[in-house]
């Protein structure tokens, strides 16, 4: 091929690239530029803001948050429905678009949408505009003001980097076949503590000093392990001051439950006696008889559990001994 032909080919390629870039930069954007085209193929969503990251990933048909807990399916369904029905209120002019995108990348929430480990869309979500008709949003470097066609008033209401926002309320959701170890540490009565091991369908029980117990009731042990399929919290505690929270964590620890599953993932639930309202005022030292506080895997949030839900997994060592 002659140098002349090669030169012409290069010129045509550069001219085509320049035309495409100019066309894309100056064409009128539409709602379609922001939509998730096919939500059925989405298998991973990553949300990032202020050094916090939440990963929502579909694993064998179930959505999991940060490789640990099952996701509230209704929230993921709502998120995908919203981002496949976005409505462009107003495009942002090229003159101010670059500065707004820069601001969104600095202060907004980054949303990465994946299908088959290939990124489909990258969003940066900002605040509502002044008249609160829509949020500033960029998608693959297109930017505009968008709303959710009446599905939600503020897009930030369904985009959170708080793990507890996304997860369902179940703390333990493991069947007997998934459990290889349960340890229950009774902080105030250590002699009532124990560890249960499950290996090749064989059950073994050890006391707090790691001595093996021979006279175990295997039916009672199996029944106990079955309770870990549906243990959930009632709500997140939001009314405590930092001082109150620190005091509860320091003084009120009553139980630690550690579950290890067959993927060698550990779940640690610390349970704290919940003071009554009067005890906060120094009038009484009694604790709530209906609720107990809990922290799972050293997360920041304090959860509230109802005793009738949590009590089945707080059995004492004697429960497992043959009578």
C-alpha atoms as a PDB file:
ATOM      1  CA  UNK A   1       0.000   0.000   0.000  1.00  0.00           C
ATOM      2  CA  UNK A   2       1.424   3.367  -1.012  1.00  0.00           C
ATOM      3  CA  UNK A   3       2.194   6.080   1.512  1.00  0.00           C
ATOM      4  CA  UNK A   4      -0.413   8.257  -0.196  1.00  0.00           C
ATOM      5  CA  UNK A   5      -3.183   5.728   0.385  1.00  0.00           C
ATOM      6  CA  UNK A   6      -2.110   5.234   4.005  1.00  0.00           C
ATOM      7  CA  UNK A   7      -2.118   8.994   4.563  1.00  0.00           C
ATOM      8  CA  UNK A   8      -5.590   9.324   3.061  1.00  0.00           C
ATOM      9  CA  UNK A   9      -6.857   6.474   5.259  1.00  0.00           C
ATOM     10  CA  UNK A  10      -5.459   8.125   8.392  1.00  0.00           C
ATOM     11  CA  UNK A  11      -7.028  11.471   7.431  1.00  0.00           C
ATOM     12  CA  UNK A  12     -10.423   9.802   6.878  1.00  0.00           C
ATOM     13  CA  UNK A  13     -10.236   8.017  10.225  1.00  0.00           C
ATOM     14  CA  UNK A  14      -9.321  11.212  12.080  1.00  0.00           C
ATOM     15  CA  UNK A  15     -12.028  13.145  10.270  1.00  0.00           C
ATOM     16  CA  UNK A  16     -14.592  10.471  11.172  1.00  0.00           C
ATOM     17  CA  UNK A  17     -13.507  10.472  14.802  1.00  0.00           C
ATOM     18  CA  UNK A  18     -13.691  14.257  14.934  1.00  0.00           C
ATOM     19  CA  UNK A  19     -17.175  14.244  13.385  1.00  0.00           C
ATOM     20  CA  UNK A  20     -18.388  11.585  15.829  1.00  0.00           C
ATOM     21  CA  UNK A  21     -16.957  13.409  18.850  1.00  0.00           C
ATOM     22  CA  UNK A  22     -18.444  16.724  17.738  1.00  0.00           C
ATOM     23  CA  UNK A  23     -21.787  15.109  16.942  1.00  0.00           C
ATOM     24  CA  UNK A  24     -21.957  13.344  20.296  1.00  0.00           C
ATOM     25  CA  UNK A  25     -20.877  16.434  22.221  1.00  0.00           C
ATOM     26  CA  UNK A  26     -23.379  18.746  20.566  1.00  0.00           C
ATOM     27  CA  UNK A  27     -26.384  16.535  19.883  1.00  0.00           C
ATOM     28  CA  UNK A  28     -29.470  17.045  22.004  1.00  0.00           C
ATOM     29  CA  UNK A  29     -29.535  14.510  24.823  1.00  0.00           C
ATOM     30  CA  UNK A  30     -32.688  12.631  25.729  1.00  0.00           C
ATOM     31  CA  UNK A  31     -34.053  10.524  28.573  1.00  0.00           C
ATOM     32  CA  UNK A  32     -32.766   7.423  26.803  1.00  0.00           C
ATOM     33  CA  UNK A  33     -29.165   8.489  27.517  1.00  0.00           C
ATOM     34  CA  UNK A  34     -29.846   7.931  31.232  1.00  0.00           C
ATOM     35  CA  UNK A  35     -31.961   4.781  31.261  1.00  0.00           C
ATOM     36  CA  UNK A  36     -30.910   1.280  32.185  1.00  0.00           C
ATOM     37  CA  UNK A  37     -31.939  -0.435  28.961  1.00  0.00           C
ATOM     38  CA  UNK A  38     -32.544  -3.949  30.268  1.00  0.00           C
ATOM     39  CA  UNK A  39     -32.850  -4.388  34.027  1.00  0.00           C
ATOM     40  CA  UNK A  40     -33.149  -8.168  33.681  1.00  0.00           C
ATOM     41  CA  UNK A  41     -29.446  -8.408  32.782  1.00  0.00           C
ATOM     42  CA  UNK A  42     -28.213  -6.301  35.711  1.00  0.00           C
ATOM     43  CA  UNK A  43     -26.297  -8.500  38.149  1.00  0.00           C
ATOM     44  CA  UNK A  44     -24.223  -6.018  40.156  1.00  0.00           C
ATOM     45  CA  UNK A  45     -24.659  -2.475  41.472  1.00  0.00           C
ATOM     46  CA  UNK A  46     -21.877  -0.588  43.241  1.00  0.00           C
ATOM     47  CA  UNK A  47     -22.608   2.603  45.191  1.00  0.00           C
ATOM     48  CA  UNK A  48     -19.779   4.851  46.393  1.00  0.00           C
ATOM     49  CA  UNK A  49     -19.639   8.081  48.375  1.00  0.00           C
ATOM     50  CA  UNK A  50     -17.220   9.554  50.940  1.00  0.00           C
ATOM     51  CA  UNK A  51     -15.073   6.410  51.088  1.00  0.00           C
ATOM     52  CA  UNK A  52     -18.125   4.239  51.743  1.00  0.00           C
ATOM     53  CA  UNK A  53     -18.928   1.429  49.323  1.00  0.00           C
ATOM     54  CA  UNK A  54     -21.956  -0.806  49.034  1.00  0.00           C
ATOM     55  CA  UNK A  55     -21.939  -3.697  46.589  1.00  0.00           C
ATOM     56  CA  UNK A  56     -25.214  -5.314  45.631  1.00  0.00           C
ATOM     57  CA  UNK A  57     -24.632  -8.500  43.651  1.00  0.00           C
ATOM     58  CA  UNK A  58     -26.870 -11.238  42.341  1.00  0.00           C
ATOM     59  CA  UNK A  59     -25.526 -14.622  43.430  1.00  0.00           C
ATOM     60  CA  UNK A  60     -27.384 -17.729  42.288  1.00  0.00           C
ATOM     61  CA  UNK A  61     -30.557 -15.693  41.855  1.00  0.00           C
ATOM     62  CA  UNK A  62     -30.392 -13.890  45.219  1.00  0.00           C
ATOM     63  CA  UNK A  63     -29.163 -10.351  45.759  1.00  0.00           C
ATOM     64  CA  UNK A  64     -26.424 -10.081  48.406  1.00  0.00           C
ATOM     65  CA  UNK A  65     -25.061  -6.899  50.022  1.00  0.00           C
ATOM     66  CA  UNK A  66     -21.285  -6.685  50.515  1.00  0.00           C
ATOM     67  CA  UNK A  67     -20.901 -10.470  50.108  1.00  0.00           C
ATOM     68  CA  UNK A  68     -22.620 -11.055  53.446  1.00  0.00           C
ATOM     69  CA  UNK A  69     -26.337 -10.425  53.866  1.00  0.00           C
ATOM     70  CA  UNK A  70     -29.339 -10.907  51.645  1.00  0.00           C
ATOM     71  CA  UNK A  71     -30.749  -7.734  50.152  1.00  0.00           C
ATOM     72  CA  UNK A  72     -34.303  -6.509  50.568  1.00  0.00           C
ATOM     73  CA  UNK A  73     -35.496  -7.534  47.108  1.00  0.00           C
ATOM     74  CA  UNK A  74     -38.214  -4.881  47.059  1.00  0.00           C
ATOM     75  CA  UNK A  75     -35.614  -2.117  47.354  1.00  0.00           C
ATOM     76  CA  UNK A  76     -33.507  -3.449  44.466  1.00  0.00           C
ATOM     77  CA  UNK A  77     -36.625  -3.894  42.359  1.00  0.00           C
ATOM     78  CA  UNK A  78     -37.660  -0.313  43.111  1.00  0.00           C
ATOM     79  CA  UNK A  79     -34.163   1.014  42.319  1.00  0.00           C
ATOM     80  CA  UNK A  80     -34.076  -0.736  38.941  1.00  0.00           C
ATOM     81  CA  UNK A  81     -37.620   0.346  38.124  1.00  0.00           C
ATOM     82  CA  UNK A  82     -36.753   3.977  38.828  1.00  0.00           C
ATOM     83  CA  UNK A  83     -33.538   3.951  36.785  1.00  0.00           C
ATOM     84  CA  UNK A  84     -35.333   2.379  33.832  1.00  0.00           C
ATOM     85  CA  UNK A  85     -38.060   5.052  33.940  1.00  0.00           C
ATOM     86  CA  UNK A  86     -36.080   8.275  34.369  1.00  0.00           C
ATOM     87  CA  UNK A  87     -37.541  11.405  32.851  1.00  0.00           C
ATOM     88  CA  UNK A  88     -35.308  14.211  31.559  1.00  0.00           C
ATOM     89  CA  UNK A  89     -36.631  17.524  32.871  1.00  0.00           C
ATOM     90  CA  UNK A  90     -33.898  19.668  31.359  1.00  0.00           C
ATOM     91  CA  UNK A  91     -30.544  19.016  29.702  1.00  0.00           C
ATOM     92  CA  UNK A  92     -27.491  20.927  30.909  1.00  0.00           C
ATOM     93  CA  UNK A  93     -25.818  23.173  28.361  1.00  0.00           C
ATOM     94  CA  UNK A  94     -22.345  22.290  27.107  1.00  0.00           C
ATOM     95  CA  UNK A  95     -21.018  25.513  28.611  1.00  0.00           C
ATOM     96  CA  UNK A  96     -21.804  24.482  32.181  1.00  0.00           C
ATOM     97  CA  UNK A  97     -21.989  20.708  31.725  1.00  0.00           C
ATOM     98  CA  UNK A  98     -18.316  19.986  32.359  1.00  0.00           C
ATOM     99  CA  UNK A  99     -18.248  21.945  35.617  1.00  0.00           C
ATOM    100  CA  UNK A 100     -21.419  20.253  36.867  1.00  0.00           C
ATOM    101  CA  UNK A 101     -20.059  16.799  36.028  1.00  0.00           C
ATOM    102  CA  UNK A 102     -16.864  17.671  37.880  1.00  0.00           C
ATOM    103  CA  UNK A 103     -18.910  18.766  40.901  1.00  0.00           C
ATOM    104  CA  UNK A 104     -21.038  15.601  40.773  1.00  0.00           C
ATOM    105  CA  UNK A 105     -17.940  13.412  40.637  1.00  0.00           C
ATOM    106  CA  UNK A 106     -16.551  15.230  43.658  1.00  0.00           C
ATOM    107  CA  UNK A 107     -19.664  15.484  45.830  1.00  0.00           C
ATOM    108  CA  UNK A 108     -22.253  13.110  44.402  1.00  0.00           C
ATOM    109  CA  UNK A 109     -22.880   9.391  44.755  1.00  0.00           C
ATOM    110  CA  UNK A 110     -21.250   7.188  42.138  1.00  0.00           C
ATOM    111  CA  UNK A 111     -23.484   4.422  40.830  1.00  0.00           C
ATOM    112  CA  UNK A 112     -21.998   1.676  38.666  1.00  0.00           C
ATOM    113  CA  UNK A 113     -24.338  -0.750  36.891  1.00  0.00           C
ATOM    114  CA  UNK A 114     -22.953  -4.078  35.644  1.00  0.00           C
ATOM    115  CA  UNK A 115     -24.181  -6.890  33.426  1.00  0.00           C
ATOM    116  CA  UNK A 116     -22.035 -10.023  33.175  1.00  0.00           C
ATOM    117  CA  UNK A 117     -19.137  -8.173  34.819  1.00  0.00           C
ATOM    118  CA  UNK A 118     -19.289  -5.550  32.068  1.00  0.00           C
ATOM    119  CA  UNK A 119     -20.147  -2.033  33.102  1.00  0.00           C
ATOM    120  CA  UNK A 120     -23.400  -0.843  31.542  1.00  0.00           C
ATOM    121  CA  UNK A 121     -23.790   2.622  33.020  1.00  0.00           C
ATOM    122  CA  UNK A 122     -21.854   4.913  35.340  1.00  0.00           C
ATOM    123  CA  UNK A 123     -23.923   7.555  37.104  1.00  0.00           C
ATOM    124  CA  UNK A 124     -23.071  10.397  39.439  1.00  0.00           C
ATOM    125  CA  UNK A 125     -26.106  11.501  41.428  1.00  0.00           C
ATOM    126  CA  UNK A 126     -26.443  14.928  43.007  1.00  0.00           C
ATOM    127  CA  UNK A 127     -29.023  16.997  44.866  1.00  0.00           C
ATOM    128  CA  UNK A 128     -32.414  18.221  43.773  1.00  0.00           C
ATOM    129  CA  UNK A 129     -32.408  21.422  41.735  1.00  0.00           C
ATOM    130  CA  UNK A 130     -33.631  24.680  43.282  1.00  0.00           C
ATOM    131  CA  UNK A 131     -37.285  24.124  42.400  1.00  0.00           C
ATOM    132  CA  UNK A 132     -37.079  20.454  43.455  1.00  0.00           C
ATOM    133  CA  UNK A 133     -38.364  19.171  40.132  1.00  0.00           C
ATOM    134  CA  UNK A 134     -35.494  16.724  39.661  1.00  0.00           C
ATOM    135  CA  UNK A 135     -31.963  15.691  40.604  1.00  0.00           C
ATOM    136  CA  UNK A 136     -28.724  16.568  38.871  1.00  0.00           C
ATOM    137  CA  UNK A 137     -27.524  13.351  37.267  1.00  0.00           C
ATOM    138  CA  UNK A 138     -24.744  12.389  34.910  1.00  0.00           C
ATOM    139  CA  UNK A 139     -24.668   9.144  32.964  1.00  0.00           C
ATOM    140  CA  UNK A 140     -21.606   8.228  30.937  1.00  0.00           C
ATOM    141  CA  UNK A 141     -20.681  11.941  30.859  1.00  0.00           C
ATOM    142  CA  UNK A 142     -24.123  13.128  29.750  1.00  0.00           C
ATOM    143  CA  UNK A 143     -25.684  15.425  32.362  1.00  0.00           C
ATOM    144  CA  UNK A 144     -29.166  16.724  33.027  1.00  0.00           C
ATOM    145  CA  UNK A 145     -31.899  17.267  35.570  1.00  0.00           C
ATOM    146  CA  UNK A 146     -34.035  14.157  35.918  1.00  0.00           C
ATOM    147  CA  UNK A 147     -36.887  12.828  37.971  1.00  0.00           C
ATOM    148  CA  UNK A 148     -38.449   9.415  38.348  1.00  0.00           C
ATOM    149  CA  UNK A 149     -41.798  10.021  36.658  1.00  0.00           C
ATOM    150  CA  UNK A 150     -43.670  10.090  39.962  1.00  0.00           C
ATOM    151  CA  UNK A 151     -42.068   6.933  41.398  1.00  0.00           C
ATOM    152  CA  UNK A 152     -39.953   8.808  43.949  1.00  0.00           C
ATOM    153  CA  UNK A 153     -39.570  12.510  44.761  1.00  0.00           C
ATOM    154  CA  UNK A 154     -35.822  12.560  45.363  1.00  0.00           C
ATOM    155  CA  UNK A 155     -33.570   9.982  43.675  1.00  0.00           C
ATOM    156  CA  UNK A 156     -31.253  10.089  46.699  1.00  0.00           C
ATOM    157  CA  UNK A 157     -34.028   8.469  48.763  1.00  0.00           C
ATOM    158  CA  UNK A 158     -33.375   5.148  46.999  1.00  0.00           C
ATOM    159  CA  UNK A 159     -29.583   5.449  46.660  1.00  0.00           C
ATOM    160  CA  UNK A 160     -27.759   4.824  49.928  1.00  0.00           C
ATOM    161  CA  UNK A 161     -24.240   3.754  50.899  1.00  0.00           C
ATOM    162  CA  UNK A 162     -25.586   2.459  54.227  1.00  0.00           C
ATOM    163  CA  UNK A 163     -25.456  -1.356  54.196  1.00  0.00           C
ATOM    164  CA  UNK A 164     -28.403  -1.618  56.572  1.00  0.00           C
ATOM    165  CA  UNK A 165     -30.575   0.383  54.171  1.00  0.00           C
ATOM    166  CA  UNK A 166     -30.298  -2.377  51.572  1.00  0.00           C
ATOM    167  CA  UNK A 167     -30.266  -5.563  53.593  1.00  0.00           C
ATOM    168  CA  UNK A 168     -33.345  -7.372  54.709  1.00  0.00           C
ATOM    169  CA  UNK A 169     -33.994  -7.605  58.430  1.00  0.00           C
ATOM    170  CA  UNK A 170     -32.724 -11.144  58.824  1.00  0.00           C
ATOM    171  CA  UNK A 171     -29.454 -11.405  60.748  1.00  0.00           C
ATOM    172  CA  UNK A 172     -29.219 -15.186  60.587  1.00  0.00           C
ATOM    173  CA  UNK A 173     -30.682 -17.086  57.653  1.00  0.00           C
ATOM    174  CA  UNK A 174     -28.802 -20.389  57.662  1.00  0.00           C
ATOM    175  CA  UNK A 175     -30.121 -23.931  57.469  1.00  0.00           C
ATOM    176  CA  UNK A 176     -28.571 -26.825  59.368  1.00  0.00           C
ATOM    177  CA  UNK A 177     -26.711 -27.928  56.226  1.00  0.00           C
ATOM    178  CA  UNK A 178     -25.030 -24.502  55.986  1.00  0.00           C
ATOM    179  CA  UNK A 179     -23.785 -24.310  59.594  1.00  0.00           C
ATOM    180  CA  UNK A 180     -20.438 -25.698  60.705  1.00  0.00           C
ATOM    181  CA  UNK A 181     -20.108 -23.928  64.065  1.00  0.00           C
ATOM    182  CA  UNK A 182     -22.194 -22.008  66.588  1.00  0.00           C
ATOM    183  CA  UNK A 183     -20.606 -20.418  69.654  1.00  0.00           C
ATOM    184  CA  UNK A 184     -22.759 -18.884  72.372  1.00  0.00           C
ATOM    185  CA  UNK A 185     -20.853 -16.880  74.971  1.00  0.00           C
ATOM    186  CA  UNK A 186     -22.966 -16.015  77.983  1.00  0.00           C
ATOM    187  CA  UNK A 187     -21.028 -13.022  79.259  1.00  0.00           C
ATOM    188  CA  UNK A 188     -22.591 -12.879  82.725  1.00  0.00           C
ATOM    189  CA  UNK A 189     -22.749 -16.653  83.239  1.00  0.00           C
ATOM    190  CA  UNK A 190     -19.767 -18.067  81.382  1.00  0.00           C
ATOM    191  CA  UNK A 191     -20.372 -21.605  82.639  1.00  0.00           C
ATOM    192  CA  UNK A 192     -23.528 -21.628  80.522  1.00  0.00           C
ATOM    193  CA  UNK A 193     -21.539 -20.924  77.341  1.00  0.00           C
ATOM    194  CA  UNK A 194     -20.874 -23.583  74.692  1.00  0.00           C
ATOM    195  CA  UNK A 195     -19.784 -24.317  71.125  1.00  0.00           C
ATOM    196  CA  UNK A 196     -21.526 -26.657  68.700  1.00  0.00           C
ATOM    197  CA  UNK A 197     -19.655 -28.140  65.739  1.00  0.00           C
ATOM    198  CA  UNK A 198     -21.297 -29.751  62.715  1.00  0.00           C
ATOM    199  CA  UNK A 199     -19.061 -31.959  60.572  1.00  0.00           C
ATOM    200  CA  UNK A 200     -20.272 -34.573  58.094  1.00  0.00           C
ATOM    201  CA  UNK A 201     -23.689 -34.449  59.747  1.00  0.00           C
ATOM    202  CA  UNK A 202     -22.105 -35.300  63.098  1.00  0.00           C
ATOM    203  CA  UNK A 203     -22.799 -32.993  66.035  1.00  0.00           C
ATOM    204  CA  UNK A 204     -20.384 -32.269  68.872  1.00  0.00           C
ATOM    205  CA  UNK A 205     -20.731 -30.011  71.897  1.00  0.00           C
ATOM    206  CA  UNK A 206     -18.046 -28.280  73.981  1.00  0.00           C
ATOM    207  CA  UNK A 207     -18.379 -26.245  77.174  1.00  0.00           C
ATOM    208  CA  UNK A 208     -16.896 -22.816  77.871  1.00  0.00           C
ATOM    209  CA  UNK A 209     -13.491 -24.314  78.775  1.00  0.00           C
ATOM    210  CA  UNK A 210     -13.440 -26.287  75.495  1.00  0.00           C
ATOM    211  CA  UNK A 211     -14.131 -29.651  77.138  1.00  0.00           C
ATOM    212  CA  UNK A 212     -16.153 -32.036  75.003  1.00  0.00           C
ATOM    213  CA  UNK A 213     -19.579 -32.974  76.374  1.00  0.00           C
ATOM    214  CA  UNK A 214     -20.532 -36.586  75.755  1.00  0.00           C
ATOM    215  CA  UNK A 215     -24.085 -36.784  77.088  1.00  0.00           C
ATOM    216  CA  UNK A 216     -25.717 -34.562  74.472  1.00  0.00           C
ATOM    217  CA  UNK A 217     -29.286 -34.646  73.227  1.00  0.00           C
ATOM    218  CA  UNK A 218     -28.759 -34.525  69.444  1.00  0.00           C
ATOM    219  CA  UNK A 219     -32.435 -33.881  68.805  1.00  0.00           C
ATOM    220  CA  UNK A 220     -32.243 -30.770  70.997  1.00  0.00           C
ATOM    221  CA  UNK A 221     -29.054 -29.627  69.222  1.00  0.00           C
ATOM    222  CA  UNK A 222     -30.631 -30.084  65.770  1.00  0.00           C
ATOM    223  CA  UNK A 223     -33.755 -28.235  66.890  1.00  0.00           C
ATOM    224  CA  UNK A 224     -31.588 -25.390  68.192  1.00  0.00           C
ATOM    225  CA  UNK A 225     -29.658 -25.107  64.922  1.00  0.00           C
ATOM    226  CA  UNK A 226     -32.939 -24.911  62.990  1.00  0.00           C
ATOM    227  CA  UNK A 227     -33.766 -21.635  64.753  1.00  0.00           C
ATOM    228  CA  UNK A 228     -31.013 -19.842  62.816  1.00  0.00           C
ATOM    229  CA  UNK A 229     -33.057 -19.858  59.602  1.00  0.00           C
ATOM    230  CA  UNK A 230     -35.119 -16.818  60.462  1.00  0.00           C
ATOM    231  CA  UNK A 231     -33.645 -14.484  63.086  1.00  0.00           C
ATOM    232  CA  UNK A 232     -34.278 -10.835  62.285  1.00  0.00           C
ATOM    233  CA  UNK A 233     -34.238  -7.469  63.995  1.00  0.00           C
ATOM    234  CA  UNK A 234     -37.233  -5.223  64.570  1.00  0.00           C
ATOM    235  CA  UNK A 235     -35.696  -1.838  63.783  1.00  0.00           C
ATOM    236  CA  UNK A 236     -32.579   0.309  63.974  1.00  0.00           C
ATOM    237  CA  UNK A 237     -32.108   2.348  67.169  1.00  0.00           C
ATOM    238  CA  UNK A 238     -31.790   6.025  66.233  1.00  0.00           C
ATOM    239  CA  UNK A 239     -32.654   7.776  69.500  1.00  0.00           C
ATOM    240  CA  UNK A 240     -29.461   7.185  71.494  1.00  0.00           C
ATOM    241  CA  UNK A 241     -26.816   9.820  72.088  1.00  0.00           C
ATOM    242  CA  UNK A 242     -23.179   8.890  71.533  1.00  0.00           C
ATOM    243  CA  UNK A 243     -22.674   8.783  75.304  1.00  0.00           C
ATOM    244  CA  UNK A 244     -25.630   6.449  75.815  1.00  0.00           C
ATOM    245  CA  UNK A 245     -24.495   4.177  72.997  1.00  0.00           C
ATOM    246  CA  UNK A 246     -20.927   3.986  74.342  1.00  0.00           C
ATOM    247  CA  UNK A 247     -22.204   3.221  77.845  1.00  0.00           C
ATOM    248  CA  UNK A 248     -24.446   0.381  76.620  1.00  0.00           C
ATOM    249  CA  UNK A 249     -21.628  -1.182  74.598  1.00  0.00           C
ATOM    250  CA  UNK A 250     -19.216  -0.928  77.519  1.00  0.00           C
ATOM    251  CA  UNK A 251     -21.474  -2.085  80.358  1.00  0.00           C
ATOM    252  CA  UNK A 252     -24.418  -4.071  79.000  1.00  0.00           C
ATOM    253  CA  UNK A 253     -22.949  -6.878  76.889  1.00  0.00           C
ATOM    254  CA  UNK A 254     -24.879 -10.043  77.773  1.00  0.00           C
ATOM    255  CA  UNK A 255     -24.413 -12.533  74.924  1.00  0.00           C
ATOM    256  CA  UNK A 256     -22.201 -13.123  71.910  1.00  0.00           C
ATOM    257  CA  UNK A 257     -23.406 -15.485  69.185  1.00  0.00           C
ATOM    258  CA  UNK A 258     -20.905 -16.505  66.499  1.00  0.00           C
ATOM    259  CA  UNK A 259     -22.047 -18.500  63.476  1.00  0.00           C
ATOM    260  CA  UNK A 260     -19.623 -19.928  60.929  1.00  0.00           C
ATOM    261  CA  UNK A 261     -21.145 -21.206  57.691  1.00  0.00           C
ATOM    262  CA  UNK A 262     -19.864 -23.755  55.202  1.00  0.00           C
ATOM    263  CA  UNK A 263     -18.240 -20.979  53.174  1.00  0.00           C
ATOM    264  CA  UNK A 264     -16.181 -20.096  56.279  1.00  0.00           C
ATOM    265  CA  UNK A 265     -17.972 -16.745  56.631  1.00  0.00           C
ATOM    266  CA  UNK A 266     -18.325 -15.581  60.238  1.00  0.00           C
ATOM    267  CA  UNK A 267     -21.380 -13.788  61.609  1.00  0.00           C
ATOM    268  CA  UNK A 268     -20.933 -12.275  65.067  1.00  0.00           C
ATOM    269  CA  UNK A 269     -23.925 -10.905  66.952  1.00  0.00           C
ATOM    270  CA  UNK A 270     -23.316  -9.079  70.234  1.00  0.00           C
ATOM    271  CA  UNK A 271     -26.407  -8.593  72.381  1.00  0.00           C
ATOM    272  CA  UNK A 272     -26.706  -5.842  75.000  1.00  0.00           C
ATOM    273  CA  UNK A 273     -29.327  -5.420  77.711  1.00  0.00           C
ATOM    274  CA  UNK A 274     -31.591  -2.520  76.785  1.00  0.00           C
ATOM    275  CA  UNK A 275     -32.144  -0.003  79.603  1.00  0.00           C
ATOM    276  CA  UNK A 276     -35.657   1.156  80.297  1.00  0.00           C
ATOM    277  CA  UNK A 277     -36.414   4.852  79.878  1.00  0.00           C
ATOM    278  CA  UNK A 278     -36.472   5.301  83.636  1.00  0.00           C
ATOM    279  CA  UNK A 279     -33.015   3.799  84.052  1.00  0.00           C
ATOM    280  CA  UNK A 280     -31.602   6.515  81.775  1.00  0.00           C
ATOM    281  CA  UNK A 281     -32.778   9.026  84.390  1.00  0.00           C
ATOM    282  CA  UNK A 282     -31.182   7.124  87.263  1.00  0.00           C
ATOM    283  CA  UNK A 283     -34.554   6.126  88.700  1.00  0.00           C
ATOM    284  CA  UNK A 284     -34.261   2.405  88.033  1.00  0.00           C
ATOM    285  CA  UNK A 285     -31.621  -0.092  86.888  1.00  0.00           C
ATOM    286  CA  UNK A 286     -34.156  -2.436  85.318  1.00  0.00           C
ATOM    287  CA  UNK A 287     -33.826  -3.529  81.696  1.00  0.00           C
ATOM    288  CA  UNK A 288     -36.429  -3.874  78.983  1.00  0.00           C
ATOM    289  CA  UNK A 289     -38.080  -7.291  79.269  1.00  0.00           C
ATOM    290  CA  UNK A 290     -39.398  -7.285  75.693  1.00  0.00           C
ATOM    291  CA  UNK A 291     -36.424  -6.011  73.713  1.00  0.00           C
ATOM    292  CA  UNK A 292     -32.652  -6.355  73.585  1.00  0.00           C
ATOM    293  CA  UNK A 293     -30.040  -4.425  71.622  1.00  0.00           C
ATOM    294  CA  UNK A 294     -27.714  -6.050  69.116  1.00  0.00           C
ATOM    295  CA  UNK A 295     -24.740  -5.222  66.899  1.00  0.00           C
ATOM    296  CA  UNK A 296     -23.917  -7.544  64.001  1.00  0.00           C
ATOM    297  CA  UNK A 297     -20.339  -7.910  62.711  1.00  0.00           C
ATOM    298  CA  UNK A 298     -19.202  -4.777  64.557  1.00  0.00           C
ATOM    299  CA  UNK A 299     -21.368  -2.533  62.386  1.00  0.00           C
ATOM    300  CA  UNK A 300     -21.977   0.989  63.666  1.00  0.00           C
ATOM    301  CA  UNK A 301     -25.748   0.695  63.999  1.00  0.00           C
ATOM    302  CA  UNK A 302     -27.448  -0.661  67.105  1.00  0.00           C
ATOM    303  CA  UNK A 303     -30.352  -2.947  66.245  1.00  0.00           C
ATOM    304  CA  UNK A 304     -33.421  -3.658  68.344  1.00  0.00           C
ATOM    305  CA  UNK A 305     -34.484  -7.308  68.681  1.00  0.00           C
ATOM    306  CA  UNK A 306     -37.665  -8.634  70.221  1.00  0.00           C
ATOM    307  CA  UNK A 307     -36.970 -11.257  72.866  1.00  0.00           C
ATOM    308  CA  UNK A 308     -39.514 -13.718  71.483  1.00  0.00           C
ATOM    309  CA  UNK A 309     -37.511 -13.734  68.222  1.00  0.00           C
ATOM    310  CA  UNK A 310     -34.005 -13.857  69.697  1.00  0.00           C
ATOM    311  CA  UNK A 311     -34.673 -16.028  72.757  1.00  0.00           C
ATOM    312  CA  UNK A 312     -34.654 -19.392  70.896  1.00  0.00           C
ATOM    313  CA  UNK A 313     -30.942 -18.977  70.051  1.00  0.00           C
ATOM    314  CA  UNK A 314     -30.010 -18.056  73.644  1.00  0.00           C
ATOM    315  CA  UNK A 315     -30.366 -21.579  75.035  1.00  0.00           C
ATOM    316  CA  UNK A 316     -28.135 -22.466  77.984  1.00  0.00           C
ATOM    317  CA  UNK A 317     -25.768 -25.431  78.030  1.00  0.00           C
ATOM    318  CA  UNK A 318     -28.177 -27.575  80.092  1.00  0.00           C
ATOM    319  CA  UNK A 319     -30.690 -27.453  77.233  1.00  0.00           C
ATOM    320  CA  UNK A 320     -28.501 -29.798  75.163  1.00  0.00           C
ATOM    321  CA  UNK A 321     -27.762 -32.397  77.837  1.00  0.00           C
ATOM    322  CA  UNK A 322     -29.593 -35.688  78.039  1.00  0.00           C
ATOM    323  CA  UNK A 323     -32.005 -35.778  80.923  1.00  0.00           C
END
